[in-house]
Amino acid sequence: MKTIKKLMMLLVAVFSLMTFSACDSDTTTRWELEGVWTGDFAMQLYLGGHYSKEAYKTTLYLYDNREGKQVDYYRIGNTSTIDTNYFTWDVRGGRIIMNYDDGTMRGQTVTIDSYTLYNGYWEGIVEGHNFRMYKEASAYDSYYDDYYAKQRNNTSLQSAEEE
């Protein structure tokens, strides 16, 4: 009986660690995604019937309050067309979920579960199409630059005072 109780306690501990690990991973992914991304997000504009036009560029704004804006740029003949959509987003279980609540994509949900984030690139598969985005800006860039600059300055001052 004691063996079963110990085994149950061990299983509870293991599942707890797995849960915390998944949450930490989702939080880290959220932080990495927050910011402005530009590139090919595999977007198409349907112009009636079966005719569609591929966006030549998409810019995603992923805000830290889990709201976002997507701006798709299209060339149709000699003119450019911009399509803007607003959404909420989150990362759950490693999956990026975007729920569109305004714009031409209103009511749609896009789930991205096959992706890679590294060195300012984000690539993967969205709705069966490959995408690749480049990070243009991050809310945390200036914070970290300011923080580390202060740390360097404090260390320099402290070293100078000690001499």
N, C-alpha and C. Protein backbone atom coordinates (compact mmCIF):
# COMPACT_ATOMS: atom_id res chain seq x y z
N MET A 1 0.82 -1.19 0.00
CA MET A 1 0.00 0.00 0.00
C MET A 1 0.87 1.26 0.00
N LYS A 2 1.96 1.24 0.78
CA LYS A 2 2.86 2.39 0.83
C LYS A 2 3.50 2.63 -0.53
N THR A 3 3.79 1.54 -1.25
CA THR A 3 4.41 1.65 -2.56
C THR A 3 3.46 2.36 -3.54
N ILE A 4 2.19 2.01 -3.50
CA ILE A 4 1.21 2.64 -4.39
C ILE A 4 1.07 4.12 -4.05
N LYS A 5 1.06 4.44 -2.75
CA LYS A 5 0.94 5.84 -2.33
C LYS A 5 2.15 6.64 -2.81
N LYS A 6 3.34 6.07 -2.67
CA LYS A 6 4.56 6.75 -3.12
C LYS A 6 4.53 6.94 -4.64
N LEU A 7 4.06 5.91 -5.35
CA LEU A 7 3.97 5.99 -6.80
C LEU A 7 3.00 7.10 -7.23
N MET A 8 1.86 7.17 -6.54
CA MET A 8 0.87 8.22 -6.85
C MET A 8 1.46 9.61 -6.61
N MET A 9 2.19 9.76 -5.49
CA MET A 9 2.80 11.06 -5.18
C MET A 9 3.84 11.42 -6.24
N LEU A 10 4.59 10.43 -6.68
CA LEU A 10 5.59 10.66 -7.71
C LEU A 10 4.93 11.09 -9.03
N LEU A 11 3.83 10.42 -9.40
CA LEU A 11 3.12 10.77 -10.62
C LEU A 11 2.56 12.19 -10.55
N VAL A 12 2.01 12.57 -9.40
CA VAL A 12 1.49 13.93 -9.23
C VAL A 12 2.62 14.94 -9.39
N ALA A 13 3.77 14.66 -8.81
CA ALA A 13 4.91 15.57 -8.92
C ALA A 13 5.37 15.70 -10.37
N VAL A 14 5.45 14.58 -11.08
CA VAL A 14 5.88 14.61 -12.49
C VAL A 14 4.90 15.40 -13.34
N PHE A 15 3.59 15.16 -13.18
CA PHE A 15 2.58 15.91 -13.94
C PHE A 15 2.61 17.39 -13.60
N SER A 16 2.87 17.72 -12.36
CA SER A 16 2.97 19.14 -11.98
C SER A 16 4.14 19.80 -12.68
N LEU A 17 5.27 19.12 -12.73
CA LEU A 17 6.44 19.68 -13.43
C LEU A 17 6.17 19.85 -14.91
N MET A 18 5.48 18.89 -15.51
CA MET A 18 5.16 18.99 -16.93
C MET A 18 4.24 20.17 -17.18
N THR A 19 3.28 20.40 -16.31
CA THR A 19 2.36 21.52 -16.47
C THR A 19 3.10 22.83 -16.36
N PHE A 20 3.95 22.99 -15.34
CA PHE A 20 4.71 24.22 -15.20
C PHE A 20 5.63 24.43 -16.38
N SER A 21 6.22 23.38 -16.87
CA SER A 21 7.14 23.48 -18.01
C SER A 21 6.40 23.99 -19.25
N ALA A 22 5.21 23.45 -19.52
CA ALA A 22 4.43 23.89 -20.69
C ALA A 22 4.05 25.36 -20.55
N CYS A 23 3.64 25.77 -19.36
CA CYS A 23 3.25 27.16 -19.15
C CYS A 23 4.46 28.08 -19.35
N ASP A 24 5.60 27.69 -18.80
CA ASP A 24 6.80 28.51 -18.96
C ASP A 24 7.19 28.62 -20.42
N SER A 25 7.08 27.53 -21.15
CA SER A 25 7.41 27.53 -22.57
C SER A 25 6.46 28.45 -23.34
N ASP A 26 5.16 28.38 -23.03
CA ASP A 26 4.18 29.25 -23.70
C ASP A 26 4.47 30.71 -23.39
N THR A 27 4.80 31.02 -22.15
CA THR A 27 5.11 32.39 -21.76
C THR A 27 6.34 32.89 -22.50
N THR A 28 7.37 32.07 -22.58
CA THR A 28 8.59 32.43 -23.30
C THR A 28 8.29 32.68 -24.77
N THR A 29 7.48 31.82 -25.37
CA THR A 29 7.13 32.00 -26.78
C THR A 29 6.36 33.30 -26.97
N ARG A 30 5.42 33.61 -26.04
CA ARG A 30 4.69 34.88 -26.12
C ARG A 30 5.65 36.06 -26.11
N TRP A 31 6.62 36.04 -25.19
CA TRP A 31 7.60 37.14 -25.10
C TRP A 31 8.40 37.26 -26.39
N GLU A 32 8.78 36.11 -26.95
CA GLU A 32 9.56 36.13 -28.19
C GLU A 32 8.74 36.67 -29.37
N LEU A 33 7.44 36.40 -29.36
CA LEU A 33 6.58 36.84 -30.46
C LEU A 33 6.17 38.30 -30.37
N GLU A 34 6.08 38.84 -29.16
CA GLU A 34 5.63 40.22 -29.01
C GLU A 34 6.53 41.17 -29.79
N GLY A 35 5.89 42.00 -30.60
CA GLY A 35 6.64 42.95 -31.41
C GLY A 35 6.06 43.06 -32.80
N VAL A 36 6.87 43.55 -33.72
CA VAL A 36 6.44 43.76 -35.10
C VAL A 36 7.21 42.80 -36.00
N TRP A 37 6.48 42.05 -36.82
CA TRP A 37 7.06 41.08 -37.73
C TRP A 37 6.66 41.44 -39.16
N THR A 38 7.59 41.33 -40.11
CA THR A 38 7.31 41.62 -41.51
C THR A 38 7.85 40.50 -42.37
N GLY A 39 7.11 40.15 -43.41
CA GLY A 39 7.57 39.13 -44.33
C GLY A 39 6.43 38.51 -45.10
N ASP A 40 6.59 37.25 -45.44
CA ASP A 40 5.59 36.50 -46.20
C ASP A 40 4.80 35.63 -45.23
N PHE A 41 3.55 36.00 -44.97
CA PHE A 41 2.69 35.24 -44.06
C PHE A 41 1.69 34.39 -44.85
N ALA A 42 1.96 34.19 -46.14
CA ALA A 42 1.17 33.33 -47.02
C ALA A 42 -0.29 33.75 -47.11
N MET A 43 -0.53 35.06 -47.19
CA MET A 43 -1.90 35.57 -47.24
C MET A 43 -2.35 35.74 -48.69
N GLN A 44 -3.65 35.52 -48.92
CA GLN A 44 -4.23 35.70 -50.24
C GLN A 44 -5.51 36.51 -50.12
N LEU A 45 -5.74 37.36 -51.09
CA LEU A 45 -6.95 38.17 -51.15
C LEU A 45 -7.83 37.58 -52.25
N TYR A 46 -9.05 37.18 -51.89
CA TYR A 46 -9.97 36.61 -52.86
C TYR A 46 -10.77 37.72 -53.51
N LEU A 47 -10.71 37.77 -54.83
CA LEU A 47 -11.33 38.86 -55.59
C LEU A 47 -12.53 38.35 -56.38
N GLY A 48 -13.30 37.48 -55.80
CA GLY A 48 -14.48 36.94 -56.47
C GLY A 48 -14.15 35.65 -57.19
N GLY A 49 -15.08 34.73 -57.14
CA GLY A 49 -14.87 33.44 -57.80
C GLY A 49 -13.67 32.72 -57.22
N HIS A 50 -12.84 32.23 -58.12
CA HIS A 50 -11.66 31.49 -57.68
C HIS A 50 -10.38 32.29 -57.83
N TYR A 51 -10.50 33.54 -58.25
CA TYR A 51 -9.32 34.37 -58.47
C TYR A 51 -8.83 34.95 -57.15
N SER A 52 -7.55 34.80 -56.92
CA SER A 52 -6.97 35.38 -55.70
C SER A 52 -5.63 36.00 -56.02
N LYS A 53 -5.21 36.88 -55.15
CA LYS A 53 -3.93 37.55 -55.31
C LYS A 53 -3.13 37.35 -54.03
N GLU A 54 -1.86 36.95 -54.17
CA GLU A 54 -1.00 36.75 -53.01
C GLU A 54 -0.44 38.07 -52.51
N ALA A 55 -0.40 38.24 -51.19
CA ALA A 55 0.19 39.44 -50.61
C ALA A 55 1.70 39.41 -50.87
N TYR A 56 2.26 40.56 -51.25
CA TYR A 56 3.71 40.62 -51.43
C TYR A 56 4.41 40.89 -50.11
N LYS A 57 3.64 41.33 -49.09
CA LYS A 57 4.24 41.58 -47.78
C LYS A 57 3.12 41.62 -46.75
N THR A 58 3.43 41.12 -45.55
CA THR A 58 2.51 41.21 -44.42
C THR A 58 3.29 41.75 -43.23
N THR A 59 2.66 42.63 -42.47
CA THR A 59 3.24 43.09 -41.22
C THR A 59 2.28 42.72 -40.09
N LEU A 60 2.80 42.01 -39.10
CA LEU A 60 2.02 41.62 -37.92
C LEU A 60 2.49 42.44 -36.73
N TYR A 61 1.54 43.00 -36.01
CA TYR A 61 1.82 43.71 -34.77
C TYR A 61 1.25 42.85 -33.65
N LEU A 62 2.12 42.22 -32.86
CA LEU A 62 1.69 41.36 -31.76
C LEU A 62 1.98 42.09 -30.46
N TYR A 63 0.93 42.68 -29.89
CA TYR A 63 1.07 43.51 -28.69
C TYR A 63 1.10 42.64 -27.43
N ASP A 64 1.72 43.18 -26.36
CA ASP A 64 1.86 42.42 -25.12
C ASP A 64 0.54 42.19 -24.39
N ASN A 65 -0.54 42.87 -24.77
CA ASN A 65 -1.85 42.63 -24.16
C ASN A 65 -2.62 41.54 -24.92
N ARG A 66 -1.92 40.84 -25.80
CA ARG A 66 -2.44 39.74 -26.61
C ARG A 66 -3.46 40.19 -27.65
N GLU A 67 -3.37 41.44 -28.04
CA GLU A 67 -4.13 41.93 -29.18
C GLU A 67 -3.15 42.08 -30.33
N GLY A 68 -3.69 42.12 -31.55
CA GLY A 68 -2.80 42.25 -32.69
C GLY A 68 -3.46 42.88 -33.89
N LYS A 69 -2.62 43.25 -34.83
CA LYS A 69 -3.08 43.84 -36.09
C LYS A 69 -2.26 43.21 -37.20
N GLN A 70 -2.93 42.88 -38.29
CA GLN A 70 -2.27 42.30 -39.45
C GLN A 70 -2.55 43.19 -40.65
N VAL A 71 -1.48 43.64 -41.32
CA VAL A 71 -1.61 44.48 -42.50
C VAL A 71 -0.99 43.72 -43.68
N ASP A 72 -1.84 43.39 -44.65
CA ASP A 72 -1.39 42.68 -45.85
C ASP A 72 -1.33 43.66 -47.01
N TYR A 73 -0.25 43.58 -47.79
CA TYR A 73 -0.04 44.49 -48.93
C TYR A 73 -0.13 43.69 -50.23
N TYR A 74 -0.97 44.17 -51.16
CA TYR A 74 -1.20 43.51 -52.44
C TYR A 74 -0.96 44.49 -53.58
N ARG A 75 -0.49 43.97 -54.71
CA ARG A 75 -0.40 44.75 -55.96
C ARG A 75 -1.43 44.17 -56.91
N ILE A 76 -2.34 45.01 -57.34
CA ILE A 76 -3.35 44.58 -58.30
C ILE A 76 -3.28 45.55 -59.47
N GLY A 77 -2.71 45.07 -60.54
CA GLY A 77 -2.47 45.95 -61.68
C GLY A 77 -1.43 46.99 -61.29
N ASN A 78 -1.74 48.26 -61.53
CA ASN A 78 -0.82 49.34 -61.19
C ASN A 78 -1.09 49.94 -59.81
N THR A 79 -2.02 49.37 -59.08
CA THR A 79 -2.35 49.93 -57.78
C THR A 79 -1.97 48.98 -56.65
N SER A 80 -1.81 49.55 -55.47
CA SER A 80 -1.55 48.75 -54.29
C SER A 80 -2.79 48.76 -53.41
N THR A 81 -3.07 47.65 -52.80
CA THR A 81 -4.21 47.52 -51.90
C THR A 81 -3.70 47.04 -50.55
N ILE A 82 -4.25 47.62 -49.50
CA ILE A 82 -3.88 47.23 -48.15
C ILE A 82 -5.11 46.64 -47.48
N ASP A 83 -4.95 45.48 -46.86
CA ASP A 83 -6.03 44.83 -46.13
C ASP A 83 -5.59 44.72 -44.67
N THR A 84 -6.37 45.32 -43.75
CA THR A 84 -6.01 45.33 -42.33
C THR A 84 -7.03 44.52 -41.54
N ASN A 85 -6.53 43.65 -40.68
CA ASN A 85 -7.36 42.81 -39.82
C ASN A 85 -6.87 42.92 -38.38
N TYR A 86 -7.80 42.84 -37.44
CA TYR A 86 -7.47 42.90 -36.01
C TYR A 86 -7.83 41.57 -35.37
N PHE A 87 -7.03 41.17 -34.39
CA PHE A 87 -7.24 39.87 -33.77
C PHE A 87 -6.75 39.87 -32.33
N THR A 88 -7.12 38.83 -31.60
CA THR A 88 -6.51 38.54 -30.30
C THR A 88 -5.66 37.30 -30.53
N TRP A 89 -4.61 37.16 -29.74
CA TRP A 89 -3.71 36.03 -29.94
C TRP A 89 -3.21 35.51 -28.60
N ASP A 90 -2.79 34.25 -28.62
CA ASP A 90 -2.24 33.63 -27.42
C ASP A 90 -1.40 32.43 -27.84
N VAL A 91 -0.64 31.92 -26.90
CA VAL A 91 0.12 30.69 -27.10
C VAL A 91 -0.34 29.72 -26.03
N ARG A 92 -0.89 28.60 -26.46
CA ARG A 92 -1.38 27.58 -25.53
C ARG A 92 -0.91 26.21 -25.99
N GLY A 93 -0.21 25.53 -25.09
CA GLY A 93 0.30 24.20 -25.43
C GLY A 93 1.23 24.23 -26.62
N GLY A 94 1.97 25.34 -26.77
CA GLY A 94 2.91 25.46 -27.88
C GLY A 94 2.26 25.90 -29.18
N ARG A 95 0.95 26.04 -29.21
CA ARG A 95 0.23 26.44 -30.42
C ARG A 95 -0.09 27.94 -30.36
N ILE A 96 0.14 28.62 -31.48
CA ILE A 96 -0.18 30.04 -31.59
C ILE A 96 -1.60 30.13 -32.17
N ILE A 97 -2.48 30.82 -31.44
CA ILE A 97 -3.88 30.91 -31.84
C ILE A 97 -4.23 32.37 -32.06
N MET A 98 -4.73 32.67 -33.25
CA MET A 98 -5.11 34.04 -33.62
C MET A 98 -6.60 34.04 -33.95
N ASN A 99 -7.40 34.77 -33.16
CA ASN A 99 -8.85 34.89 -33.38
C ASN A 99 -9.14 36.28 -33.95
N TYR A 100 -9.58 36.32 -35.22
CA TYR A 100 -9.82 37.59 -35.90
C TYR A 100 -11.20 38.13 -35.53
N ASP A 101 -11.22 39.37 -35.04
CA ASP A 101 -12.49 39.95 -34.60
C ASP A 101 -12.90 41.19 -35.40
N ASP A 102 -12.08 41.61 -36.36
CA ASP A 102 -12.45 42.75 -37.19
C ASP A 102 -11.67 42.69 -38.50
N GLY A 103 -12.28 43.13 -39.58
CA GLY A 103 -11.63 43.12 -40.88
C GLY A 103 -12.22 42.04 -41.78
N THR A 104 -11.58 41.81 -42.91
CA THR A 104 -12.09 40.82 -43.87
C THR A 104 -11.98 39.39 -43.34
N MET A 105 -11.16 39.18 -42.32
CA MET A 105 -11.00 37.83 -41.74
C MET A 105 -11.85 37.65 -40.48
N ARG A 106 -12.73 38.60 -40.19
CA ARG A 106 -13.58 38.55 -38.99
C ARG A 106 -14.24 37.16 -38.84
N GLY A 107 -14.17 36.63 -37.62
CA GLY A 107 -14.79 35.35 -37.33
C GLY A 107 -13.90 34.14 -37.59
N GLN A 108 -12.73 34.35 -38.18
CA GLN A 108 -11.84 33.23 -38.48
C GLN A 108 -10.82 33.03 -37.36
N THR A 109 -10.40 31.81 -37.19
CA THR A 109 -9.35 31.47 -36.24
C THR A 109 -8.22 30.80 -37.01
N VAL A 110 -7.00 31.29 -36.78
CA VAL A 110 -5.82 30.69 -37.40
C VAL A 110 -4.99 30.07 -36.28
N THR A 111 -4.64 28.80 -36.44
CA THR A 111 -3.82 28.10 -35.46
C THR A 111 -2.52 27.69 -36.13
N ILE A 112 -1.41 28.06 -35.50
CA ILE A 112 -0.09 27.72 -36.03
C ILE A 112 0.58 26.80 -35.02
N ASP A 113 0.78 25.54 -35.41
CA ASP A 113 1.41 24.62 -34.47
C ASP A 113 2.71 24.02 -35.00
N SER A 114 3.07 24.42 -36.20
CA SER A 114 4.33 23.97 -36.77
C SER A 114 5.15 25.21 -37.13
N TYR A 115 6.06 25.60 -36.22
CA TYR A 115 6.83 26.82 -36.43
C TYR A 115 8.16 26.74 -35.69
N THR A 116 9.05 27.67 -36.07
CA THR A 116 10.35 27.82 -35.43
C THR A 116 10.61 29.30 -35.22
N LEU A 117 11.10 29.63 -34.05
CA LEU A 117 11.51 31.00 -33.72
C LEU A 117 13.00 30.99 -33.44
N TYR A 118 13.79 31.81 -34.16
CA TYR A 118 15.21 31.88 -33.87
C TYR A 118 15.82 33.12 -34.51
N ASN A 119 16.74 33.76 -33.80
CA ASN A 119 17.52 34.90 -34.30
C ASN A 119 16.71 35.91 -35.11
N GLY A 120 15.56 36.30 -34.62
CA GLY A 120 14.77 37.31 -35.32
C GLY A 120 13.95 36.79 -36.49
N TYR A 121 13.90 35.48 -36.67
CA TYR A 121 13.09 34.87 -37.72
C TYR A 121 11.98 34.06 -37.09
N TRP A 122 10.86 34.00 -37.78
CA TRP A 122 9.74 33.16 -37.37
C TRP A 122 9.25 32.51 -38.64
N GLU A 123 9.32 31.20 -38.71
CA GLU A 123 8.88 30.52 -39.91
C GLU A 123 8.12 29.26 -39.54
N GLY A 124 7.31 28.81 -40.47
CA GLY A 124 6.52 27.61 -40.23
C GLY A 124 5.46 27.44 -41.28
N ILE A 125 4.33 26.86 -40.84
CA ILE A 125 3.22 26.58 -41.74
C ILE A 125 1.95 27.20 -41.17
N VAL A 126 1.28 28.02 -41.98
CA VAL A 126 0.00 28.62 -41.60
C VAL A 126 -1.02 28.23 -42.67
N GLU A 127 -2.11 27.62 -42.24
CA GLU A 127 -3.18 27.21 -43.16
C GLU A 127 -2.63 26.41 -44.35
N GLY A 128 -1.65 25.53 -44.09
CA GLY A 128 -1.09 24.67 -45.13
C GLY A 128 -0.05 25.32 -46.03
N HIS A 129 0.33 26.58 -45.75
CA HIS A 129 1.31 27.29 -46.57
C HIS A 129 2.52 27.69 -45.72
N ASN A 130 3.70 27.63 -46.32
CA ASN A 130 4.92 28.04 -45.60
C ASN A 130 4.94 29.56 -45.43
N PHE A 131 5.43 30.01 -44.28
CA PHE A 131 5.60 31.44 -44.06
C PHE A 131 6.96 31.70 -43.44
N ARG A 132 7.45 32.93 -43.61
CA ARG A 132 8.71 33.37 -43.01
C ARG A 132 8.60 34.86 -42.72
N MET A 133 8.77 35.20 -41.44
CA MET A 133 8.66 36.59 -41.00
C MET A 133 9.96 37.00 -40.33
N TYR A 134 10.27 38.30 -40.39
CA TYR A 134 11.47 38.86 -39.78
C TYR A 134 11.04 39.84 -38.70
N LYS A 135 11.69 39.81 -37.57
CA LYS A 135 11.33 40.70 -36.48
C LYS A 135 11.88 42.09 -36.75
N GLU A 136 10.97 43.05 -36.81
CA GLU A 136 11.33 44.44 -37.06
C GLU A 136 11.55 45.21 -35.76
N ALA A 137 10.75 44.90 -34.74
CA ALA A 137 10.84 45.63 -33.47
C ALA A 137 10.26 44.77 -32.35
N SER A 138 10.71 45.05 -31.16
CA SER A 138 10.21 44.35 -29.98
C SER A 138 10.02 45.36 -28.85
N ALA A 139 8.97 45.17 -28.09
CA ALA A 139 8.74 46.04 -26.93
C ALA A 139 9.86 45.90 -25.91
N TYR A 140 10.53 44.76 -25.92
CA TYR A 140 11.54 44.49 -24.91
C TYR A 140 12.93 44.94 -25.30
N ASP A 141 13.15 45.23 -26.59
CA ASP A 141 14.49 45.63 -27.02
C ASP A 141 15.00 46.84 -26.24
N SER A 142 14.20 47.89 -26.17
CA SER A 142 14.67 49.09 -25.48
C SER A 142 14.77 48.85 -23.98
N TYR A 143 13.86 48.02 -23.43
CA TYR A 143 13.93 47.72 -22.00
C TYR A 143 15.26 47.03 -21.67
N TYR A 144 15.59 46.00 -22.44
CA TYR A 144 16.82 45.28 -22.16
C TYR A 144 18.05 46.15 -22.41
N ASP A 145 18.01 46.95 -23.47
CA ASP A 145 19.14 47.84 -23.74
C ASP A 145 19.33 48.81 -22.58
N ASP A 146 18.23 49.42 -22.11
CA ASP A 146 18.30 50.35 -20.97
C ASP A 146 18.78 49.64 -19.71
N TYR A 147 18.23 48.44 -19.45
CA TYR A 147 18.57 47.71 -18.24
C TYR A 147 20.07 47.36 -18.22
N TYR A 148 20.54 46.78 -19.32
CA TYR A 148 21.94 46.37 -19.35
C TYR A 148 22.88 47.57 -19.39
N ALA A 149 22.46 48.65 -20.03
CA ALA A 149 23.28 49.87 -20.03
C ALA A 149 23.42 50.38 -18.60
N LYS A 150 22.33 50.36 -17.83
CA LYS A 150 22.39 50.79 -16.43
C LYS A 150 23.29 49.85 -15.64
N GLN A 151 23.18 48.55 -15.89
CA GLN A 151 24.02 47.59 -15.17
C GLN A 151 25.49 47.84 -15.47
N ARG A 152 25.79 48.09 -16.75
CA ARG A 152 27.19 48.35 -17.13
C ARG A 152 27.67 49.64 -16.46
N ASN A 153 26.83 50.68 -16.49
CA ASN A 153 27.21 51.95 -15.88
C ASN A 153 27.39 51.81 -14.38
N ASN A 154 26.48 51.08 -13.72
CA ASN A 154 26.61 50.88 -12.28
C ASN A 154 27.88 50.11 -11.95
N THR A 155 28.19 49.10 -12.76
CA THR A 155 29.40 48.32 -12.53
C THR A 155 30.63 49.20 -12.73
N SER A 156 30.61 50.03 -13.79
CA SER A 156 31.75 50.91 -14.05
C SER A 156 31.94 51.90 -12.91
N LEU A 157 30.83 52.50 -12.45
CA LEU A 157 30.92 53.45 -11.34
C LEU A 157 31.42 52.79 -10.08
N GLN A 158 30.90 51.58 -9.83
CA GLN A 158 31.28 50.87 -8.60
C GLN A 158 32.78 50.54 -8.67
N SER A 159 33.25 50.09 -9.84
CA SER A 159 34.66 49.74 -9.97
C SER A 159 35.53 50.98 -9.77
N ALA A 160 35.10 52.13 -10.31
CA ALA A 160 35.86 53.35 -10.19
C ALA A 160 35.92 53.80 -8.73
N GLU A 161 34.81 53.64 -8.00
CA GLU A 161 34.77 54.05 -6.60
C GLU A 161 35.67 53.15 -5.74
N GLU A 162 35.79 51.87 -6.11
CA GLU A 162 36.58 50.93 -5.33
C GLU A 162 38.07 51.19 -5.50
N GLU A 163 38.46 51.80 -6.62
CA GLU A 163 39.90 52.00 -6.89
C GLU A 163 40.52 53.06 -6.05
